[in-house]
Every structure is written in C-alpha cells, then in structure tokens.
Amino acid sequence: MPNNQIKDQEIAMLRSELEMLMKERQVLLRISGAAAAFIAELDAETLQADTYDAADLLAEFLNAASEETLRDALESVHAHIVGDGESQSAQA
C-alpha cells in the first residue's frame, strides 16, 4: 500500500502543478492579448524613437507566437483580428 500512497501523492502534486500552470497561462494570455491590441492601435509615425524601438521589440515577440496562441490571447481580452490575410491588426 505505501507504493499506492506515493503514487496518489505524486498524482495530487502533478494535478496541483498543472492547475497552477493553467492559471499562469491564462494570465500570460491576457497580458499578450492586451499587448497585441495595444500594438495594433499604435501609430508608428507619431512615436518617439525609443518608444518605437520598445514597441517594435514587443511586436517581434508577439509575432513569434503561433496564430492559435495569438487568437487565444486576443480572445482573452475580448479583442479580435481585423483585416485581410496578410495585413492583420487587433481591435478591442
């Protein structure tokens, strides 16, 4: 029985860890979705150089996400993608 008890404890720990990771994923999706919506609303021509560089870096990281992840992120903040297949932007 001690072997079953250890397995039950391991399962409980894994379940707890998975729940924590899923909650963390939801937070990260909301952050990413808000960032994507923010970037989509920026007018690059009016940004100062330092601000433009920071926005460009953020956009680069957002673009590295899969399309599915980006859609999940936008949905988490109730934003959606508008535009044709090539030039898409997020809109809240």
PDB file of N, CA and C in Angstrom:
ATOM      1  N   MET A   1       0.790  -1.206   0.000  1.00  0.00           N
ATOM      2  CA  MET A   1       0.000   0.000   0.000  1.00  0.00           C
ATOM      3  C   MET A   1       0.834   1.272   0.000  1.00  0.00           C
ATOM      4  N   PRO A   2       1.995   1.289   0.623  1.00  0.00           N
ATOM      5  CA  PRO A   2       2.787   2.517   0.594  1.00  0.00           C
ATOM      6  C   PRO A   2       3.086   2.967  -0.833  1.00  0.00           C
ATOM      7  N   ASN A   3       3.253   2.014  -1.747  1.00  0.00           N
ATOM      8  CA  ASN A   3       3.526   2.349  -3.141  1.00  0.00           C
ATOM      9  C   ASN A   3       2.336   3.093  -3.757  1.00  0.00           C
ATOM     10  N   ASN A   4       1.117   2.646  -3.458  1.00  0.00           N
ATOM     11  CA  ASN A   4      -0.091   3.317  -3.945  1.00  0.00           C
ATOM     12  C   ASN A   4      -0.225   4.704  -3.342  1.00  0.00           C
ATOM     13  N   GLN A   5       0.156   4.826  -2.090  1.00  0.00           N
ATOM     14  CA  GLN A   5       0.080   6.107  -1.403  1.00  0.00           C
ATOM     15  C   GLN A   5       1.034   7.109  -2.050  1.00  0.00           C
ATOM     16  N   ILE A   6       2.232   6.657  -2.397  1.00  0.00           N
ATOM     17  CA  ILE A   6       3.212   7.517  -3.060  1.00  0.00           C
ATOM     18  C   ILE A   6       2.688   7.953  -4.421  1.00  0.00           C
ATOM     19  N   LYS A   7       2.107   7.008  -5.174  1.00  0.00           N
ATOM     20  CA  LYS A   7       1.549   7.332  -6.490  1.00  0.00           C
ATOM     21  C   LYS A   7       0.416   8.344  -6.360  1.00  0.00           C
ATOM     22  N   ASP A   8      -0.428   8.183  -5.353  1.00  0.00           N
ATOM     23  CA  ASP A   8      -1.532   9.123  -5.136  1.00  0.00           C
ATOM     24  C   ASP A   8      -0.995  10.520  -4.821  1.00  0.00           C
ATOM     25  N   GLN A   9       0.062  10.575  -4.016  1.00  0.00           N
ATOM     26  CA  GLN A   9       0.681  11.858  -3.690  1.00  0.00           C
ATOM     27  C   GLN A   9       1.296  12.494  -4.932  1.00  0.00           C
ATOM     28  N   GLU A  10       1.955  11.685  -5.745  1.00  0.00           N
ATOM     29  CA  GLU A  10       2.551  12.200  -6.986  1.00  0.00           C
ATOM     30  C   GLU A  10       1.478  12.724  -7.931  1.00  0.00           C
ATOM     31  N   ILE A  11       0.378  11.999  -8.036  1.00  0.00           N
ATOM     32  CA  ILE A  11      -0.725  12.430  -8.891  1.00  0.00           C
ATOM     33  C   ILE A  11      -1.306  13.746  -8.382  1.00  0.00           C
ATOM     34  N   ALA A  12      -1.479  13.847  -7.076  1.00  0.00           N
ATOM     35  CA  ALA A  12      -2.017  15.078  -6.489  1.00  0.00           C
ATOM     36  C   ALA A  12      -1.073  16.257  -6.734  1.00  0.00           C
ATOM     37  N   MET A  13       0.228  16.019  -6.592  1.00  0.00           N
ATOM     38  CA  MET A  13       1.203  17.088  -6.835  1.00  0.00           C
ATOM     39  C   MET A  13       1.187  17.509  -8.300  1.00  0.00           C
ATOM     40  N   LEU A  14       1.127  16.548  -9.204  1.00  0.00           N
ATOM     41  CA  LEU A  14       1.087  16.853 -10.633  1.00  0.00           C
ATOM     42  C   LEU A  14      -0.190  17.607 -10.996  1.00  0.00           C
ATOM     43  N   ARG A  15      -1.290  17.201 -10.425  1.00  0.00           N
ATOM     44  CA  ARG A  15      -2.562  17.886 -10.671  1.00  0.00           C
ATOM     45  C   ARG A  15      -2.485  19.329 -10.188  1.00  0.00           C
ATOM     46  N   SER A  16      -1.932  19.520  -9.019  1.00  0.00           N
ATOM     47  CA  SER A  16      -1.782  20.866  -8.465  1.00  0.00           C
ATOM     48  C   SER A  16      -0.872  21.722  -9.342  1.00  0.00           C
ATOM     49  N   GLU A  17       0.210  21.145  -9.792  1.00  0.00           N
ATOM     50  CA  GLU A  17       1.152  21.859 -10.667  1.00  0.00           C
ATOM     51  C   GLU A  17       0.489  22.219 -11.995  1.00  0.00           C
ATOM     52  N   LEU A  18      -0.266  21.305 -12.548  1.00  0.00           N
ATOM     53  CA  LEU A  18      -0.958  21.557 -13.808  1.00  0.00           C
ATOM     54  C   LEU A  18      -1.982  22.674 -13.655  1.00  0.00           C
ATOM     55  N   GLU A  19      -2.721  22.678 -12.570  1.00  0.00           N
ATOM     56  CA  GLU A  19      -3.693  23.742 -12.310  1.00  0.00           C
ATOM     57  C   GLU A  19      -2.989  25.094 -12.206  1.00  0.00           C
ATOM     58  N   MET A  20      -1.852  25.119 -11.514  1.00  0.00           N
ATOM     59  CA  MET A  20      -1.097  26.359 -11.376  1.00  0.00           C
ATOM     60  C   MET A  20      -0.606  26.850 -12.744  1.00  0.00           C
ATOM     61  N   LEU A  21      -0.115  25.923 -13.569  1.00  0.00           N
ATOM     62  CA  LEU A  21       0.365  26.287 -14.901  1.00  0.00           C
ATOM     63  C   LEU A  21      -0.764  26.788 -15.789  1.00  0.00           C
ATOM     64  N   MET A  22      -1.936  26.215 -15.686  1.00  0.00           N
ATOM     65  CA  MET A  22      -3.074  26.662 -16.486  1.00  0.00           C
ATOM     66  C   MET A  22      -3.511  28.070 -16.069  1.00  0.00           C
ATOM     67  N   LYS A  23      -3.501  28.348 -14.765  1.00  0.00           N
ATOM     68  CA  LYS A  23      -3.827  29.699 -14.297  1.00  0.00           C
ATOM     69  C   LYS A  23      -2.790  30.697 -14.793  1.00  0.00           C
ATOM     70  N   GLU A  24      -1.531  30.308 -14.730  1.00  0.00           N
ATOM     71  CA  GLU A  24      -0.457  31.171 -15.205  1.00  0.00           C
ATOM     72  C   GLU A  24      -0.587  31.421 -16.707  1.00  0.00           C
ATOM     73  N   ARG A  25      -0.965  30.392 -17.457  1.00  0.00           N
ATOM     74  CA  ARG A  25      -1.165  30.545 -18.896  1.00  0.00           C
ATOM     75  C   ARG A  25      -2.253  31.574 -19.181  1.00  0.00           C
ATOM     76  N   GLN A  26      -3.340  31.523 -18.404  1.00  0.00           N
ATOM     77  CA  GLN A  26      -4.427  32.481 -18.610  1.00  0.00           C
ATOM     78  C   GLN A  26      -3.961  33.912 -18.354  1.00  0.00           C
ATOM     79  N   VAL A  27      -3.151  34.106 -17.329  1.00  0.00           N
ATOM     80  CA  VAL A  27      -2.608  35.437 -17.053  1.00  0.00           C
ATOM     81  C   VAL A  27      -1.714  35.893 -18.203  1.00  0.00           C
ATOM     82  N   LEU A  28      -0.849  35.001 -18.676  1.00  0.00           N
ATOM     83  CA  LEU A  28       0.044  35.345 -19.778  1.00  0.00           C
ATOM     84  C   LEU A  28      -0.725  35.606 -21.074  1.00  0.00           C
ATOM     85  N   LEU A  29      -1.804  34.875 -21.299  1.00  0.00           N
ATOM     86  CA  LEU A  29      -2.634  35.140 -22.475  1.00  0.00           C
ATOM     87  C   LEU A  29      -3.271  36.522 -22.393  1.00  0.00           C
ATOM     88  N   ARG A  30      -3.745  36.907 -21.218  1.00  0.00           N
ATOM     89  CA  ARG A  30      -4.342  38.241 -21.070  1.00  0.00           C
ATOM     90  C   ARG A  30      -3.301  39.330 -21.289  1.00  0.00           C
ATOM     91  N   ILE A  31      -2.098  39.122 -20.764  1.00  0.00           N
ATOM     92  CA  ILE A  31      -1.023  40.098 -20.969  1.00  0.00           C
ATOM     93  C   ILE A  31      -0.691  40.198 -22.456  1.00  0.00           C
ATOM     94  N   SER A  32      -0.537  39.057 -23.114  1.00  0.00           N
ATOM     95  CA  SER A  32      -0.209  39.041 -24.540  1.00  0.00           C
ATOM     96  C   SER A  32      -1.324  39.648 -25.376  1.00  0.00           C
ATOM     97  N   GLY A  33      -2.558  39.343 -25.038  1.00  0.00           N
ATOM     98  CA  GLY A  33      -3.692  39.900 -25.774  1.00  0.00           C
ATOM     99  C   GLY A  33      -3.769  41.406 -25.635  1.00  0.00           C
ATOM    100  N   ALA A  34      -3.571  41.896 -24.429  1.00  0.00           N
ATOM    101  CA  ALA A  34      -3.585  43.340 -24.211  1.00  0.00           C
ATOM    102  C   ALA A  34      -2.427  44.011 -24.953  1.00  0.00           C
ATOM    103  N   ALA A  35      -1.268  43.381 -24.942  1.00  0.00           N
ATOM    104  CA  ALA A  35      -0.112  43.929 -25.651  1.00  0.00           C
ATOM    105  C   ALA A  35      -0.367  43.954 -27.154  1.00  0.00           C
ATOM    106  N   ALA A  36      -0.958  42.892 -27.688  1.00  0.00           N
ATOM    107  CA  ALA A  36      -1.243  42.835 -29.128  1.00  0.00           C
ATOM    108  C   ALA A  36      -2.252  43.918 -29.517  1.00  0.00           C
ATOM    109  N   ALA A  37      -3.293  44.081 -28.717  1.00  0.00           N
ATOM    110  CA  ALA A  37      -4.282  45.122 -29.001  1.00  0.00           C
ATOM    111  C   ALA A  37      -3.642  46.508 -28.915  1.00  0.00           C
ATOM    112  N   PHE A  38      -2.771  46.707 -27.949  1.00  0.00           N
ATOM    113  CA  PHE A  38      -2.075  47.985 -27.780  1.00  0.00           C
ATOM    114  C   PHE A  38      -1.193  48.285 -28.994  1.00  0.00           C
ATOM    115  N   ILE A  39      -0.407  47.306 -29.420  1.00  0.00           N
ATOM    116  CA  ILE A  39       0.490  47.484 -30.568  1.00  0.00           C
ATOM    117  C   ILE A  39      -0.320  47.793 -31.820  1.00  0.00           C
ATOM    118  N   ALA A  40      -1.450  47.112 -31.979  1.00  0.00           N
ATOM    119  CA  ALA A  40      -2.281  47.325 -33.166  1.00  0.00           C
ATOM    120  C   ALA A  40      -2.829  48.742 -33.235  1.00  0.00           C
ATOM    121  N   GLU A  41      -2.994  49.374 -32.088  1.00  0.00           N
ATOM    122  CA  GLU A  41      -3.552  50.722 -32.053  1.00  0.00           C
ATOM    123  C   GLU A  41      -2.493  51.822 -32.180  1.00  0.00           C
ATOM    124  N   LEU A  42      -1.218  51.479 -32.088  1.00  0.00           N
ATOM    125  CA  LEU A  42      -0.167  52.499 -32.161  1.00  0.00           C
ATOM    126  C   LEU A  42      -0.007  53.048 -33.573  1.00  0.00           C
ATOM    127  N   ASP A  43       0.320  54.306 -33.650  1.00  0.00           N
ATOM    128  CA  ASP A  43       0.655  54.939 -34.925  1.00  0.00           C
ATOM    129  C   ASP A  43       2.169  55.108 -34.945  1.00  0.00           C
ATOM    130  N   ALA A  44       2.849  54.246 -35.681  1.00  0.00           N
ATOM    131  CA  ALA A  44       4.310  54.221 -35.690  1.00  0.00           C
ATOM    132  C   ALA A  44       4.914  55.557 -36.109  1.00  0.00           C
ATOM    133  N   GLU A  45       4.208  56.305 -36.906  1.00  0.00           N
ATOM    134  CA  GLU A  45       4.753  57.579 -37.396  1.00  0.00           C
ATOM    135  C   GLU A  45       4.782  58.663 -36.327  1.00  0.00           C
ATOM    136  N   THR A  46       4.021  58.498 -35.256  1.00  0.00           N
ATOM    137  CA  THR A  46       3.983  59.521 -34.209  1.00  0.00           C
ATOM    138  C   THR A  46       4.805  59.151 -32.977  1.00  0.00           C
ATOM    139  N   LEU A  47       5.408  57.966 -32.989  1.00  0.00           N
ATOM    140  CA  LEU A  47       6.177  57.521 -31.821  1.00  0.00           C
ATOM    141  C   LEU A  47       7.588  58.099 -31.819  1.00  0.00           C
ATOM    142  N   GLN A  48       8.075  58.401 -30.628  1.00  0.00           N
ATOM    143  CA  GLN A  48       9.470  58.785 -30.486  1.00  0.00           C
ATOM    144  C   GLN A  48      10.327  57.558 -30.728  1.00  0.00           C
ATOM    145  N   ALA A  49      11.591  57.759 -31.054  1.00  0.00           N
ATOM    146  CA  ALA A  49      12.488  56.660 -31.429  1.00  0.00           C
ATOM    147  C   ALA A  49      12.568  55.579 -30.348  1.00  0.00           C
ATOM    148  N   ASP A  50      12.746  55.981 -29.089  1.00  0.00           N
ATOM    149  CA  ASP A  50      12.843  54.993 -28.008  1.00  0.00           C
ATOM    150  C   ASP A  50      11.542  54.209 -27.844  1.00  0.00           C
ATOM    151  N   THR A  51      10.432  54.899 -27.944  1.00  0.00           N
ATOM    152  CA  THR A  51       9.131  54.248 -27.829  1.00  0.00           C
ATOM    153  C   THR A  51       8.901  53.308 -29.004  1.00  0.00           C
ATOM    154  N   TYR A  52       9.300  53.754 -30.182  1.00  0.00           N
ATOM    155  CA  TYR A  52       9.163  52.914 -31.375  1.00  0.00           C
ATOM    156  C   TYR A  52       9.979  51.633 -31.220  1.00  0.00           C
ATOM    157  N   ASP A  53      11.204  51.758 -30.724  1.00  0.00           N
ATOM    158  CA  ASP A  53      12.067  50.584 -30.536  1.00  0.00           C
ATOM    159  C   ASP A  53      11.435  49.597 -29.556  1.00  0.00           C
ATOM    160  N   ALA A  54      10.870  50.102 -28.460  1.00  0.00           N
ATOM    161  CA  ALA A  54      10.230  49.229 -27.472  1.00  0.00           C
ATOM    162  C   ALA A  54       8.994  48.547 -28.080  1.00  0.00           C
ATOM    163  N   ALA A  55       8.202  49.295 -28.834  1.00  0.00           N
ATOM    164  CA  ALA A  55       7.015  48.732 -29.478  1.00  0.00           C
ATOM    165  C   ALA A  55       7.412  47.695 -30.522  1.00  0.00           C
ATOM    166  N   ASP A  56       8.481  47.975 -31.244  1.00  0.00           N
ATOM    167  CA  ASP A  56       8.967  47.040 -32.259  1.00  0.00           C
ATOM    168  C   ASP A  56       9.427  45.729 -31.616  1.00  0.00           C
ATOM    169  N   LEU A  57      10.108  45.823 -30.498  1.00  0.00           N
ATOM    170  CA  LEU A  57      10.555  44.631 -29.772  1.00  0.00           C
ATOM    171  C   LEU A  57       9.352  43.826 -29.282  1.00  0.00           C
ATOM    172  N   LEU A  58       8.372  44.506 -28.725  1.00  0.00           N
ATOM    173  CA  LEU A  58       7.163  43.836 -28.263  1.00  0.00           C
ATOM    174  C   LEU A  58       6.438  43.164 -29.427  1.00  0.00           C
ATOM    175  N   ALA A  59       6.332  43.853 -30.541  1.00  0.00           N
ATOM    176  CA  ALA A  59       5.678  43.284 -31.726  1.00  0.00           C
ATOM    177  C   ALA A  59       6.435  42.062 -32.230  1.00  0.00           C
ATOM    178  N   GLU A  60       7.749  42.106 -32.166  1.00  0.00           N
ATOM    179  CA  GLU A  60       8.567  40.963 -32.603  1.00  0.00           C
ATOM    180  C   GLU A  60       8.251  39.724 -31.760  1.00  0.00           C
ATOM    181  N   PHE A  61       8.158  39.897 -30.453  1.00  0.00           N
ATOM    182  CA  PHE A  61       7.835  38.770 -29.573  1.00  0.00           C
ATOM    183  C   PHE A  61       6.411  38.276 -29.804  1.00  0.00           C
ATOM    184  N   LEU A  62       5.488  39.180 -30.013  1.00  0.00           N
ATOM    185  CA  LEU A  62       4.113  38.774 -30.288  1.00  0.00           C
ATOM    186  C   LEU A  62       4.021  38.006 -31.596  1.00  0.00           C
ATOM    187  N   ASN A  63       4.760  38.436 -32.586  1.00  0.00           N
ATOM    188  CA  ASN A  63       4.746  37.755 -33.879  1.00  0.00           C
ATOM    189  C   ASN A  63       5.356  36.361 -33.812  1.00  0.00           C
ATOM    190  N   ALA A  64       6.166  36.098 -32.808  1.00  0.00           N
ATOM    191  CA  ALA A  64       6.782  34.774 -32.645  1.00  0.00           C
ATOM    192  C   ALA A  64       5.770  33.747 -32.124  1.00  0.00           C
ATOM    193  N   ALA A  65       4.663  34.234 -31.560  1.00  0.00           N
ATOM    194  CA  ALA A  65       3.635  33.318 -31.046  1.00  0.00           C
ATOM    195  C   ALA A  65       2.898  32.666 -32.208  1.00  0.00           C
ATOM    196  N   SER A  66       2.424  31.471 -31.970  1.00  0.00           N
ATOM    197  CA  SER A  66       1.636  30.795 -33.005  1.00  0.00           C
ATOM    198  C   SER A  66       0.322  31.550 -33.211  1.00  0.00           C
ATOM    199  N   GLU A  67      -0.282  31.341 -34.364  1.00  0.00           N
ATOM    200  CA  GLU A  67      -1.551  32.012 -34.661  1.00  0.00           C
ATOM    201  C   GLU A  67      -2.618  31.608 -33.648  1.00  0.00           C
ATOM    202  N   GLU A  68      -2.622  30.335 -33.282  1.00  0.00           N
ATOM    203  CA  GLU A  68      -3.603  29.851 -32.305  1.00  0.00           C
ATOM    204  C   GLU A  68      -3.413  30.530 -30.946  1.00  0.00           C
ATOM    205  N   THR A  69      -2.173  30.647 -30.512  1.00  0.00           N
ATOM    206  CA  THR A  69      -1.899  31.300 -29.228  1.00  0.00           C
ATOM    207  C   THR A  69      -2.297  32.765 -29.275  1.00  0.00           C
ATOM    208  N   LEU A  70      -1.986  33.436 -30.384  1.00  0.00           N
ATOM    209  CA  LEU A  70      -2.342  34.842 -30.508  1.00  0.00           C
ATOM    210  C   LEU A  70      -3.864  35.015 -30.514  1.00  0.00           C
ATOM    211  N   ARG A  71      -4.570  34.137 -31.189  1.00  0.00           N
ATOM    212  CA  ARG A  71      -6.040  34.206 -31.177  1.00  0.00           C
ATOM    213  C   ARG A  71      -6.574  33.991 -29.760  1.00  0.00           C
ATOM    214  N   ASP A  72      -6.025  33.008 -29.041  1.00  0.00           N
ATOM    215  CA  ASP A  72      -6.434  32.779 -27.653  1.00  0.00           C
ATOM    216  C   ASP A  72      -6.161  34.017 -26.803  1.00  0.00           C
ATOM    217  N   ALA A  73      -5.017  34.640 -27.030  1.00  0.00           N
ATOM    218  CA  ALA A  73      -4.647  35.832 -26.270  1.00  0.00           C
ATOM    219  C   ALA A  73      -5.618  36.976 -26.548  1.00  0.00           C
ATOM    220  N   LEU A  74      -5.931  37.188 -27.815  1.00  0.00           N
ATOM    221  CA  LEU A  74      -6.860  38.261 -28.174  1.00  0.00           C
ATOM    222  C   LEU A  74      -8.259  37.984 -27.633  1.00  0.00           C
ATOM    223  N   GLU A  75      -8.681  36.724 -27.701  1.00  0.00           N
ATOM    224  CA  GLU A  75      -9.993  36.361 -27.161  1.00  0.00           C
ATOM    225  C   GLU A  75     -10.049  36.580 -25.656  1.00  0.00           C
ATOM    226  N   SER A  76      -8.931  36.376 -24.979  1.00  0.00           N
ATOM    227  CA  SER A  76      -8.918  36.526 -23.523  1.00  0.00           C
ATOM    228  C   SER A  76      -9.148  37.969 -23.086  1.00  0.00           C
ATOM    229  N   VAL A  77      -8.900  38.924 -23.985  1.00  0.00           N
ATOM    230  CA  VAL A  77      -9.158  40.335 -23.671  1.00  0.00           C
ATOM    231  C   VAL A  77     -10.289  40.886 -24.540  1.00  0.00           C
ATOM    232  N   HIS A  78     -11.032  39.973 -25.161  1.00  0.00           N
ATOM    233  CA  HIS A  78     -12.189  40.327 -25.983  1.00  0.00           C
ATOM    234  C   HIS A  78     -11.825  41.240 -27.148  1.00  0.00           C
ATOM    235  N   ALA A  79     -10.676  40.978 -27.746  1.00  0.00           N
ATOM    236  CA  ALA A  79     -10.259  41.689 -28.955  1.00  0.00           C
ATOM    237  C   ALA A  79     -10.331  40.705 -30.101  1.00  0.00           C
ATOM    238  N   HIS A  80     -10.330  41.206 -31.324  1.00  0.00           N
ATOM    239  CA  HIS A  80     -10.359  40.316 -32.471  1.00  0.00           C
ATOM    240  C   HIS A  80      -9.478  40.866 -33.575  1.00  0.00           C
ATOM    241  N   ILE A  81      -9.113  39.985 -34.494  1.00  0.00           N
ATOM    242  CA  ILE A  81      -8.250  40.361 -35.599  1.00  0.00           C
ATOM    243  C   ILE A  81      -9.115  40.876 -36.740  1.00  0.00           C
ATOM    244  N   VAL A  82      -8.736  42.034 -37.281  1.00  0.00           N
ATOM    245  CA  VAL A  82      -9.435  42.587 -38.439  1.00  0.00           C
ATOM    246  C   VAL A  82      -8.452  42.712 -39.585  1.00  0.00           C
ATOM    247  N   GLY A  83      -8.963  42.727 -40.793  1.00  0.00           N
ATOM    248  CA  GLY A  83      -8.092  42.893 -41.956  1.00  0.00           C
ATOM    249  C   GLY A  83      -8.042  41.631 -42.778  1.00  0.00           C
ATOM    250  N   ASP A  84      -7.328  41.726 -43.900  1.00  0.00           N
ATOM    251  CA  ASP A  84      -7.221  40.558 -44.766  1.00  0.00           C
ATOM    252  C   ASP A  84      -6.129  39.633 -44.260  1.00  0.00           C
ATOM    253  N   GLY A  85      -5.904  38.547 -44.958  1.00  0.00           N
ATOM    254  CA  GLY A  85      -4.967  37.516 -44.528  1.00  0.00           C
ATOM    255  C   GLY A  85      -3.556  38.000 -44.278  1.00  0.00           C
ATOM    256  N   GLU A  86      -3.080  38.980 -45.032  1.00  0.00           N
ATOM    257  CA  GLU A  86      -1.675  39.405 -44.881  1.00  0.00           C
ATOM    258  C   GLU A  86      -1.502  40.542 -43.889  1.00  0.00           C
ATOM    259  N   SER A  87      -2.342  41.544 -43.952  1.00  0.00           N
ATOM    260  CA  SER A  87      -2.166  42.662 -43.027  1.00  0.00           C
ATOM    261  C   SER A  87      -3.284  42.605 -42.011  1.00  0.00           C
ATOM    262  N   GLN A  88      -2.979  42.060 -40.856  1.00  0.00           N
ATOM    263  CA  GLN A  88      -3.973  41.924 -39.802  1.00  0.00           C
ATOM    264  C   GLN A  88      -3.602  42.814 -38.637  1.00  0.00           C
ATOM    265  N   SER A  89      -4.621  43.288 -37.962  1.00  0.00           N
ATOM    266  CA  SER A  89      -4.384  44.052 -36.746  1.00  0.00           C
ATOM    267  C   SER A  89      -5.418  43.616 -35.722  1.00  0.00           C
ATOM    268  N   ALA A  90      -5.157  43.921 -34.471  1.00  0.00           N
ATOM    269  CA  ALA A  90      -6.079  43.556 -33.413  1.00  0.00           C
ATOM    270  C   ALA A  90      -6.945  44.758 -33.098  1.00  0.00           C
ATOM    271  N   GLN A  91      -8.195  44.483 -32.754  1.00  0.00           N
ATOM    272  CA  GLN A  91      -9.111  45.547 -32.409  1.00  0.00           C
ATOM    273  C   GLN A  91      -9.893  45.132 -31.181  1.00  0.00           C
ATOM    274  N   ALA A  92      -9.964  46.020 -30.209  1.00  0.00           N
ATOM    275  CA  ALA A  92     -10.692  45.699 -28.974  1.00  0.00           C
ATOM    276  C   ALA A  92     -12.168  45.935 -29.146  1.00  0.00           C
TER     277      ALA A  92
END
